[in-house]
Amino acid sequence: LESVFVKYRKLGSMEWRNVRIDREILDFANPMQSAWKEDSYGYATAQWDMGDQVGGSDGTYELIVETRCKELVGTPETFSRYTTSSIMGVVDRVAPKLYGSPLPIQEVLMPGEEIALMFTEPILCAEPYTFDIKVDVSGMDSRYFDKLNNLNIICKGNKLAFQFDQTEVAYSELMGNSFNVTLSGIEDLYRNKINQNAPPIKFSKTFAELNLNKVSTSFVFLLEGEACPETNDNVRELIASTLAISDNRIQLTNTTCQEGNETSAWVTILPPLKPASRGVRRRLSSNVTADNALSLSQMLKKFSKDNVADGRKLLERNATTTAFRLHNLMVNLGKDDVEKYKKSIEIIRQEDMIRQGRCNEEQTAVGRFRAASFANEESVEDSLEDAVESAVEGVLEEQHVQMKHMEEVLEEERVHMEEVLEEEHVQMKHMEE
């Protein structure tokens, strides 16, 4: 054996180059070299700083090991040489950067809305998380908001997002308060840290001040473990009795039955017709006194099957037990709040461009439209604006339909109450006679 060389080349290059340490070609067959060491088991190792040879050329590289022996007279050269198959590795010394502004762009945060940060490349999302996130809410010094407490965190690809845990923090406690977010320790997949020598990412926002008495909520309600109810009224009564509210406030649509014992429905809790009376109390929590739809939904979510350690949450109902889940909670604002916090077309477009800024082809939203062979820049901008306007109009139309439906329900309730009062008046008059 004459030599054992390690060679490298950048993927796509034809030329193999020898690995050098301190400018000397690394040769594991040369016992005089101090660049490598052999352990008691016969394994030789060497520490190679690739940066000395590849410079600033990051990318994918191939490595091979080539051995050479003394040539045997009369044999082909290949008989005295052997090359391993290549292995590949990545040289990446570029740290991730924050792409655009934290979302949502506007200063105000709605209930249930996520805060999302987009980065210029995929980040390290393996759990336990190596990054740190902390939220300081004004007026709530005794509460902790970090990656272990009261925050729901999603980390995937180049996106890091979080929500305030609606089962642990009532929105009425947060409403109107400002909060500061501090994020540090973000790394890419090759452990390059963001802002390694700079301050952490910091920004502030404020929880929207809402009229909770005008808010309605919608969610998927999944009932498990018993035969599917014969009618929607059974599910409606189950939810209403548990929350101690009138079943007129519960609406069900798209009810389905799976395998005879799993019922799912899209449920809407309407705003209260009037403030809750002093005698109204929640069956599941004596701490909940608000009668607004958001508080009721948060309470129901808190006691759902998803939030119990042993995987079973039992909904009390006439000495029987029923397991249930809640998914996809949506908050529908009142008419005045919809108008007050309506996003402009430009903000929606900017948010869309930030979210799509690092798609699979690493193109921006404008770039993706351009790739679809739009004629010029003006047509790209017009198409984006038309798409966003259409989406906004759809949301506003849905809000309008919901408001109109709620008005109809309230009107029916008012007529019903008048009829009840009229009947009581007639009965009183009859008793007097």
Foldseek 3Di string as FASTA:
>chain_A
DQWKWKWKDAPPDPDIDTQDDPNHGDTPVDPVDPQWDADPVGDIDGDGDCCVPPPPDWFKMKMKMKAADDDDPPDDRVVGIDIDDIDMDTGDQDWKDWFDDWPPPDQEDEAPDKIKIFILWFWDDDPPDQKKKWKDWPPPVVATDIPVHQKDWDGDIRMTMIHGQLLPDPVVVQEFIKMKMWIARIGHPVRNGPPPPHGTDMDMHGYHHADLLQKKKKWKKKWFDAFDDPDVVVVLCLLCVQQVHDSLQKDWDPWDDDPGGMIITIIMGGGDLDFDDPPRAHPVDRVDDGPGNSSSVSNCQNQAQVNDPVSFRFRDDPNDTIHMHIGDMDMQGGPVVCVVPPDDLVSVLVVQQSVQCCDPVNHTQLRVVVVVVDPDSVVSVVVSSVVSVVVSVVVVVVSVVVNVVSVVSSVVVVVVVVVVVVVVVVVVVVVVD
